[in-house]
């Protein structure tokens, strides 16, 4: 019995994710004086995680001399 081939779907979310929305919320809380400056490192970590956890579209390309395709992050 042959298994069905898996199709790779490209998923591109919007600009904002949970961590970036949390970072924006924490930034406004700092601006309005609702939380102390001790939470500033957490806010910076939220920005770093929010920027780094964006899902990018992947394109499947075939390289010469290979049986399987390689996946790269080319957004061209």
PDB file of N, CA and C in Angstrom:
ATOM      1  N   UNK A   1       0.843  -1.173   0.000  1.00  0.00           N
ATOM      2  CA  UNK A   1       0.000   0.000   0.000  1.00  0.00           C
ATOM      3  C   UNK A   1       0.887   1.234   0.000  1.00  0.00           C
ATOM      4  N   UNK A   2       0.668   2.105  -0.937  1.00  0.00           N
ATOM      5  CA  UNK A   2       1.483   3.302  -1.063  1.00  0.00           C
ATOM      6  C   UNK A   2       0.887   4.423  -0.204  1.00  0.00           C
ATOM      7  N   UNK A   3       1.749   5.059   0.563  1.00  0.00           N
ATOM      8  CA  UNK A   3       1.306   6.184   1.375  1.00  0.00           C
ATOM      9  C   UNK A   3       1.157   7.421   0.506  1.00  0.00           C
ATOM     10  N   UNK A   4       0.186   8.268   0.812  1.00  0.00           N
ATOM     11  CA  UNK A   4       0.036   9.491   0.013  1.00  0.00           C
ATOM     12  C   UNK A   4       1.195  10.449   0.280  1.00  0.00           C
ATOM     13  N   UNK A   5       1.575  11.183  -0.746  1.00  0.00           N
ATOM     14  CA  UNK A   5       2.657  12.142  -0.595  1.00  0.00           C
ATOM     15  C   UNK A   5       2.172  13.354   0.186  1.00  0.00           C
ATOM     16  N   UNK A   6       3.044  13.845   1.044  1.00  0.00           N
ATOM     17  CA  UNK A   6       2.699  15.026   1.825  1.00  0.00           C
ATOM     18  C   UNK A   6       2.950  16.274   0.994  1.00  0.00           C
ATOM     19  N   UNK A   7       2.003  17.163   0.998  1.00  0.00           N
ATOM     20  CA  UNK A   7       2.155  18.419   0.283  1.00  0.00           C
ATOM     21  C   UNK A   7       2.625  19.478   1.270  1.00  0.00           C
ATOM     22  N   UNK A   8       3.614  20.228   0.846  1.00  0.00           N
ATOM     23  CA  UNK A   8       4.122  21.292   1.695  1.00  0.00           C
ATOM     24  C   UNK A   8       3.341  22.561   1.386  1.00  0.00           C
ATOM     25  N   UNK A   9       2.662  23.077   2.394  1.00  0.00           N
ATOM     26  CA  UNK A   9       1.886  24.284   2.203  1.00  0.00           C
ATOM     27  C   UNK A   9       2.658  25.466   2.774  1.00  0.00           C
ATOM     28  N   UNK A  10       2.624  26.549   2.054  1.00  0.00           N
ATOM     29  CA  UNK A  10       3.303  27.759   2.504  1.00  0.00           C
ATOM     30  C   UNK A  10       2.322  28.580   3.329  1.00  0.00           C
ATOM     31  N   UNK A  11       2.688  28.868   4.565  1.00  0.00           N
ATOM     32  CA  UNK A  11       1.840  29.640   5.459  1.00  0.00           C
ATOM     33  C   UNK A  11       2.554  30.928   5.812  1.00  0.00           C
ATOM     34  N   UNK A  12       1.961  32.037   5.493  1.00  0.00           N
ATOM     35  CA  UNK A  12       2.560  33.334   5.820  1.00  0.00           C
ATOM     36  C   UNK A  12       1.586  34.114   6.676  1.00  0.00           C
ATOM     37  N   UNK A  13       1.877  34.274   7.960  1.00  0.00           N
ATOM     38  CA  UNK A  13       0.979  35.037   8.827  1.00  0.00           C
ATOM     39  C   UNK A  13       1.176  36.534   8.613  1.00  0.00           C
ATOM     40  N   UNK A  14       0.400  37.292   9.326  1.00  0.00           N
ATOM     41  CA  UNK A  14       0.528  38.741   9.269  1.00  0.00           C
ATOM     42  C   UNK A  14       1.783  39.204   9.984  1.00  0.00           C
ATOM     43  N   UNK A  15       1.878  40.486  10.177  1.00  0.00           N
ATOM     44  CA  UNK A  15       3.070  41.068  10.785  1.00  0.00           C
ATOM     45  C   UNK A  15       3.101  40.819  12.293  1.00  0.00           C
ATOM     46  N   UNK A  16       1.947  40.765  12.927  1.00  0.00           N
ATOM     47  CA  UNK A  16       1.890  40.651  14.380  1.00  0.00           C
ATOM     48  C   UNK A  16       1.615  39.210  14.805  1.00  0.00           C
ATOM     49  N   UNK A  17       2.296  38.787  15.873  1.00  0.00           N
ATOM     50  CA  UNK A  17       1.993  37.509  16.503  1.00  0.00           C
ATOM     51  C   UNK A  17       1.783  37.756  17.995  1.00  0.00           C
ATOM     52  N   UNK A  18       1.658  36.704  18.774  1.00  0.00           N
ATOM     53  CA  UNK A  18       1.329  36.846  20.192  1.00  0.00           C
ATOM     54  C   UNK A  18       2.417  37.600  20.943  1.00  0.00           C
ATOM     55  N   UNK A  19       3.675  37.288  20.664  1.00  0.00           N
ATOM     56  CA  UNK A  19       4.755  37.930  21.402  1.00  0.00           C
ATOM     57  C   UNK A  19       4.913  39.395  21.013  1.00  0.00           C
ATOM     58  N   UNK A  20       4.726  39.725  19.744  1.00  0.00           N
ATOM     59  CA  UNK A  20       4.840  41.127  19.357  1.00  0.00           C
ATOM     60  C   UNK A  20       3.680  41.944  19.909  1.00  0.00           C
ATOM     61  N   UNK A  21       2.478  41.356  19.991  1.00  0.00           N
ATOM     62  CA  UNK A  21       1.359  42.061  20.616  1.00  0.00           C
ATOM     63  C   UNK A  21       1.606  42.249  22.116  1.00  0.00           C
ATOM     64  N   UNK A  22       2.198  41.244  22.750  1.00  0.00           N
ATOM     65  CA  UNK A  22       2.566  41.394  24.163  1.00  0.00           C
ATOM     66  C   UNK A  22       3.601  42.480  24.364  1.00  0.00           C
ATOM     67  N   UNK A  23       4.564  42.566  23.448  1.00  0.00           N
ATOM     68  CA  UNK A  23       5.581  43.605  23.544  1.00  0.00           C
ATOM     69  C   UNK A  23       4.975  44.989  23.393  1.00  0.00           C
ATOM     70  N   UNK A  24       4.035  45.131  22.458  1.00  0.00           N
ATOM     71  CA  UNK A  24       3.369  46.429  22.290  1.00  0.00           C
ATOM     72  C   UNK A  24       2.555  46.778  23.527  1.00  0.00           C
ATOM     73  N   UNK A  25       1.884  45.801  24.111  1.00  0.00           N
ATOM     74  CA  UNK A  25       1.097  46.045  25.325  1.00  0.00           C
ATOM     75  C   UNK A  25       1.990  46.452  26.489  1.00  0.00           C
ATOM     76  N   UNK A  26       3.114  45.756  26.635  1.00  0.00           N
ATOM     77  CA  UNK A  26       4.040  46.106  27.709  1.00  0.00           C
ATOM     78  C   UNK A  26       4.636  47.488  27.484  1.00  0.00           C
ATOM     79  N   UNK A  27       4.898  47.846  26.225  1.00  0.00           N
ATOM     80  CA  UNK A  27       5.447  49.172  25.931  1.00  0.00           C
ATOM     81  C   UNK A  27       4.456  50.259  26.334  1.00  0.00           C
ATOM     82  N   UNK A  28       3.184  50.085  25.987  1.00  0.00           N
ATOM     83  CA  UNK A  28       2.187  51.069  26.390  1.00  0.00           C
ATOM     84  C   UNK A  28       2.033  51.109  27.906  1.00  0.00           C
ATOM     85  N   UNK A  29       2.140  49.966  28.557  1.00  0.00           N
ATOM     86  CA  UNK A  29       2.064  49.956  30.023  1.00  0.00           C
ATOM     87  C   UNK A  29       3.230  50.737  30.625  1.00  0.00           C
ATOM     88  N   UNK A  30       4.410  50.661  30.001  1.00  0.00           N
ATOM     89  CA  UNK A  30       5.544  51.468  30.466  1.00  0.00           C
ATOM     90  C   UNK A  30       5.268  52.949  30.240  1.00  0.00           C
ATOM     91  N   UNK A  31       4.751  53.295  29.052  1.00  0.00           N
ATOM     92  CA  UNK A  31       4.478  54.694  28.737  1.00  0.00           C
ATOM     93  C   UNK A  31       3.449  55.307  29.684  1.00  0.00           C
ATOM     94  N   UNK A  32       2.437  54.535  30.025  1.00  0.00           N
ATOM     95  CA  UNK A  32       1.371  55.045  30.885  1.00  0.00           C
ATOM     96  C   UNK A  32       1.686  54.913  32.366  1.00  0.00           C
ATOM     97  N   UNK A  33       2.826  54.317  32.697  1.00  0.00           N
ATOM     98  CA  UNK A  33       3.228  54.187  34.100  1.00  0.00           C
ATOM     99  C   UNK A  33       2.460  53.127  34.855  1.00  0.00           C
ATOM    100  N   UNK A  34       1.935  52.135  34.158  1.00  0.00           N
ATOM    101  CA  UNK A  34       1.162  51.088  34.815  1.00  0.00           C
ATOM    102  C   UNK A  34       2.037  49.986  35.393  1.00  0.00           C
ATOM    103  N   UNK A  35       3.227  49.796  34.846  1.00  0.00           N
ATOM    104  CA  UNK A  35       4.159  48.805  35.373  1.00  0.00           C
ATOM    105  C   UNK A  35       5.518  49.484  35.560  1.00  0.00           C
ATOM    106  N   UNK A  36       6.315  48.922  36.442  1.00  0.00           N
ATOM    107  CA  UNK A  36       7.605  49.531  36.757  1.00  0.00           C
ATOM    108  C   UNK A  36       8.649  49.175  35.694  1.00  0.00           C
ATOM    109  N   UNK A  37       9.795  49.821  35.802  1.00  0.00           N
ATOM    110  CA  UNK A  37      10.874  49.578  34.854  1.00  0.00           C
ATOM    111  C   UNK A  37      11.554  48.229  35.057  1.00  0.00           C
ATOM    112  N   UNK A  38      11.222  47.529  36.132  1.00  0.00           N
ATOM    113  CA  UNK A  38      11.770  46.189  36.326  1.00  0.00           C
ATOM    114  C   UNK A  38      11.256  45.218  35.255  1.00  0.00           C
ATOM    115  N   UNK A  39      10.160  45.561  34.597  1.00  0.00           N
ATOM    116  CA  UNK A  39       9.599  44.725  33.538  1.00  0.00           C
ATOM    117  C   UNK A  39      10.189  45.051  32.171  1.00  0.00           C
ATOM    118  N   UNK A  40      11.116  45.994  32.101  1.00  0.00           N
ATOM    119  CA  UNK A  40      11.706  46.376  30.818  1.00  0.00           C
ATOM    120  C   UNK A  40      12.472  45.228  30.152  1.00  0.00           C
ATOM    121  N   UNK A  41      13.251  44.411  30.875  1.00  0.00           N
ATOM    122  CA  UNK A  41      13.901  43.272  30.202  1.00  0.00           C
ATOM    123  C   UNK A  41      12.900  42.283  29.586  1.00  0.00           C
ATOM    124  N   UNK A  42      11.773  42.081  30.249  1.00  0.00           N
ATOM    125  CA  UNK A  42      10.752  41.194  29.698  1.00  0.00           C
ATOM    126  C   UNK A  42      10.180  41.783  28.416  1.00  0.00           C
ATOM    127  N   UNK A  43       9.994  43.100  28.400  1.00  0.00           N
ATOM    128  CA  UNK A  43       9.490  43.763  27.197  1.00  0.00           C
ATOM    129  C   UNK A  43      10.461  43.602  26.036  1.00  0.00           C
ATOM    130  N   UNK A  44      11.742  43.759  26.303  1.00  0.00           N
ATOM    131  CA  UNK A  44      12.758  43.603  25.255  1.00  0.00           C
ATOM    132  C   UNK A  44      12.799  42.163  24.767  1.00  0.00           C
ATOM    133  N   UNK A  45      12.683  41.203  25.679  1.00  0.00           N
ATOM    134  CA  UNK A  45      12.658  39.790  25.291  1.00  0.00           C
ATOM    135  C   UNK A  45      11.434  39.487  24.436  1.00  0.00           C
ATOM    136  N   UNK A  46      10.282  40.107  24.774  1.00  0.00           N
ATOM    137  CA  UNK A  46       9.085  39.940  23.942  1.00  0.00           C
ATOM    138  C   UNK A  46       9.316  40.444  22.529  1.00  0.00           C
ATOM    139  N   UNK A  47       9.986  41.588  22.389  1.00  0.00           N
ATOM    140  CA  UNK A  47      10.275  42.111  21.054  1.00  0.00           C
ATOM    141  C   UNK A  47      11.201  41.169  20.272  1.00  0.00           C
ATOM    142  N   UNK A  48      12.211  40.638  20.936  1.00  0.00           N
ATOM    143  CA  UNK A  48      13.156  39.744  20.254  1.00  0.00           C
ATOM    144  C   UNK A  48      12.469  38.450  19.828  1.00  0.00           C
ATOM    145  N   UNK A  49      11.678  37.870  20.720  1.00  0.00           N
ATOM    146  CA  UNK A  49      10.970  36.633  20.383  1.00  0.00           C
ATOM    147  C   UNK A  49       9.923  36.894  19.310  1.00  0.00           C
ATOM    148  N   UNK A  50       9.212  38.006  19.408  1.00  0.00           N
ATOM    149  CA  UNK A  50       8.188  38.333  18.419  1.00  0.00           C
ATOM    150  C   UNK A  50       8.769  38.548  17.045  1.00  0.00           C
ATOM    151  N   UNK A  51       9.949  39.130  16.987  1.00  0.00           N
ATOM    152  CA  UNK A  51      10.584  39.339  15.682  1.00  0.00           C
ATOM    153  C   UNK A  51      11.148  38.038  15.130  1.00  0.00           C
ATOM    154  N   UNK A  52      11.699  37.202  15.983  1.00  0.00           N
ATOM    155  CA  UNK A  52      12.360  35.981  15.536  1.00  0.00           C
ATOM    156  C   UNK A  52      11.434  34.819  15.263  1.00  0.00           C
ATOM    157  N   UNK A  53      10.192  34.884  15.747  1.00  0.00           N
ATOM    158  CA  UNK A  53       9.307  33.733  15.582  1.00  0.00           C
ATOM    159  C   UNK A  53       8.332  33.897  14.430  1.00  0.00           C
ATOM    160  N   UNK A  54       8.582  34.821  13.537  1.00  0.00           N
ATOM    161  CA  UNK A  54       7.732  34.959  12.360  1.00  0.00           C
ATOM    162  C   UNK A  54       7.954  33.767  11.435  1.00  0.00           C
ATOM    163  N   UNK A  55       6.890  33.259  10.885  1.00  0.00           N
ATOM    164  CA  UNK A  55       6.975  32.127   9.960  1.00  0.00           C
ATOM    165  C   UNK A  55       7.135  32.687   8.554  1.00  0.00           C
ATOM    166  N   UNK A  56       8.174  32.248   7.863  1.00  0.00           N
ATOM    167  CA  UNK A  56       8.387  32.716   6.504  1.00  0.00           C
ATOM    168  C   UNK A  56       7.979  31.643   5.510  1.00  0.00           C
ATOM    169  N   UNK A  57       7.649  32.062   4.319  1.00  0.00           N
ATOM    170  CA  UNK A  57       7.250  31.114   3.286  1.00  0.00           C
ATOM    171  C   UNK A  57       8.476  30.356   2.804  1.00  0.00           C
ATOM    172  N   UNK A  58       8.321  29.060   2.624  1.00  0.00           N
ATOM    173  CA  UNK A  58       9.431  28.235   2.144  1.00  0.00           C
ATOM    174  C   UNK A  58       9.120  27.762   0.736  1.00  0.00           C
ATOM    175  N   UNK A  59      10.129  27.752  -0.084  1.00  0.00           N
ATOM    176  CA  UNK A  59       9.998  27.273  -1.461  1.00  0.00           C
ATOM    177  C   UNK A  59      10.784  25.982  -1.603  1.00  0.00           C
ATOM    178  N   UNK A  60      10.169  24.985  -2.221  1.00  0.00           N
ATOM    179  CA  UNK A  60      10.841  23.710  -2.433  1.00  0.00           C
ATOM    180  C   UNK A  60      11.536  23.752  -3.780  1.00  0.00           C
ATOM    181  N   UNK A  61      12.843  23.474  -3.774  1.00  0.00           N
ATOM    182  CA  UNK A  61      13.605  23.502  -5.011  1.00  0.00           C
ATOM    183  C   UNK A  61      14.285  22.153  -5.201  1.00  0.00           C
ATOM    184  N   UNK A  62      14.492  21.781  -6.428  1.00  0.00           N
ATOM    185  CA  UNK A  62      15.192  20.540  -6.765  1.00  0.00           C
ATOM    186  C   UNK A  62      16.618  20.875  -7.162  1.00  0.00           C
ATOM    187  N   UNK A  63      17.579  20.242  -6.504  1.00  0.00           N
ATOM    188  CA  UNK A  63      18.975  20.439  -6.834  1.00  0.00           C
ATOM    189  C   UNK A  63      19.410  19.332  -7.785  1.00  0.00           C
ATOM    190  N   UNK A  64      20.284  19.645  -8.719  1.00  0.00           N
ATOM    191  CA  UNK A  64      20.738  18.598  -9.636  1.00  0.00           C
ATOM    192  C   UNK A  64      21.504  17.506  -8.899  1.00  0.00           C
ATOM    193  N   UNK A  65      21.219  16.256  -9.246  1.00  0.00           N
ATOM    194  CA  UNK A  65      21.920  15.137  -8.646  1.00  0.00           C
ATOM    195  C   UNK A  65      21.330  14.669  -7.333  1.00  0.00           C
ATOM    196  N   UNK A  66      20.175  15.208  -6.917  1.00  0.00           N
ATOM    197  CA  UNK A  66      19.542  14.769  -5.675  1.00  0.00           C
ATOM    198  C   UNK A  66      18.181  14.180  -5.984  1.00  0.00           C
ATOM    199  N   UNK A  67      17.772  13.237  -5.151  1.00  0.00           N
ATOM    200  CA  UNK A  67      16.458  12.633  -5.333  1.00  0.00           C
ATOM    201  C   UNK A  67      15.379  13.438  -4.628  1.00  0.00           C
ATOM    202  N   UNK A  68      15.708  13.963  -3.486  1.00  0.00           N
ATOM    203  CA  UNK A  68      14.732  14.719  -2.706  1.00  0.00           C
ATOM    204  C   UNK A  68      15.005  16.205  -2.856  1.00  0.00           C
ATOM    205  N   UNK A  69      13.961  16.995  -2.730  1.00  0.00           N
ATOM    206  CA  UNK A  69      14.124  18.445  -2.812  1.00  0.00           C
ATOM    207  C   UNK A  69      14.629  19.016  -1.500  1.00  0.00           C
ATOM    208  N   UNK A  70      15.275  20.121  -1.576  1.00  0.00           N
ATOM    209  CA  UNK A  70      15.743  20.820  -0.395  1.00  0.00           C
ATOM    210  C   UNK A  70      14.825  21.993  -0.149  1.00  0.00           C
ATOM    211  N   UNK A  71      14.630  22.358   1.108  1.00  0.00           N
ATOM    212  CA  UNK A  71      13.773  23.457   1.447  1.00  0.00           C
ATOM    213  C   UNK A  71      14.629  24.655   1.850  1.00  0.00           C
ATOM    214  N   UNK A  72      14.363  25.783   1.228  1.00  0.00           N
ATOM    215  CA  UNK A  72      15.091  27.006   1.569  1.00  0.00           C
ATOM    216  C   UNK A  72      14.098  28.111   1.885  1.00  0.00           C
ATOM    217  N   UNK A  73      14.600  29.187   2.463  1.00  0.00           N
ATOM    218  CA  UNK A  73      13.761  30.337   2.789  1.00  0.00           C
ATOM    219  C   UNK A  73      14.044  31.461   1.794  1.00  0.00           C
ATOM    220  N   UNK A  74      13.760  31.242   0.541  1.00  0.00           N
ATOM    221  CA  UNK A  74      13.955  32.276  -0.476  1.00  0.00           C
ATOM    222  C   UNK A  74      12.624  32.978  -0.714  1.00  0.00           C
ATOM    223  N   UNK A  75      12.595  34.262  -0.451  1.00  0.00           N
ATOM    224  CA  UNK A  75      11.367  35.041  -0.666  1.00  0.00           C
ATOM    225  C   UNK A  75      11.485  35.901  -1.909  1.00  0.00           C
ATOM    226  N   UNK A  76      12.085  35.396  -2.953  1.00  0.00           N
ATOM    227  CA  UNK A  76      12.263  36.181  -4.165  1.00  0.00           C
ATOM    228  C   UNK A  76      11.141  35.928  -5.128  1.00  0.00           C
TER     229      UNK A  76
END
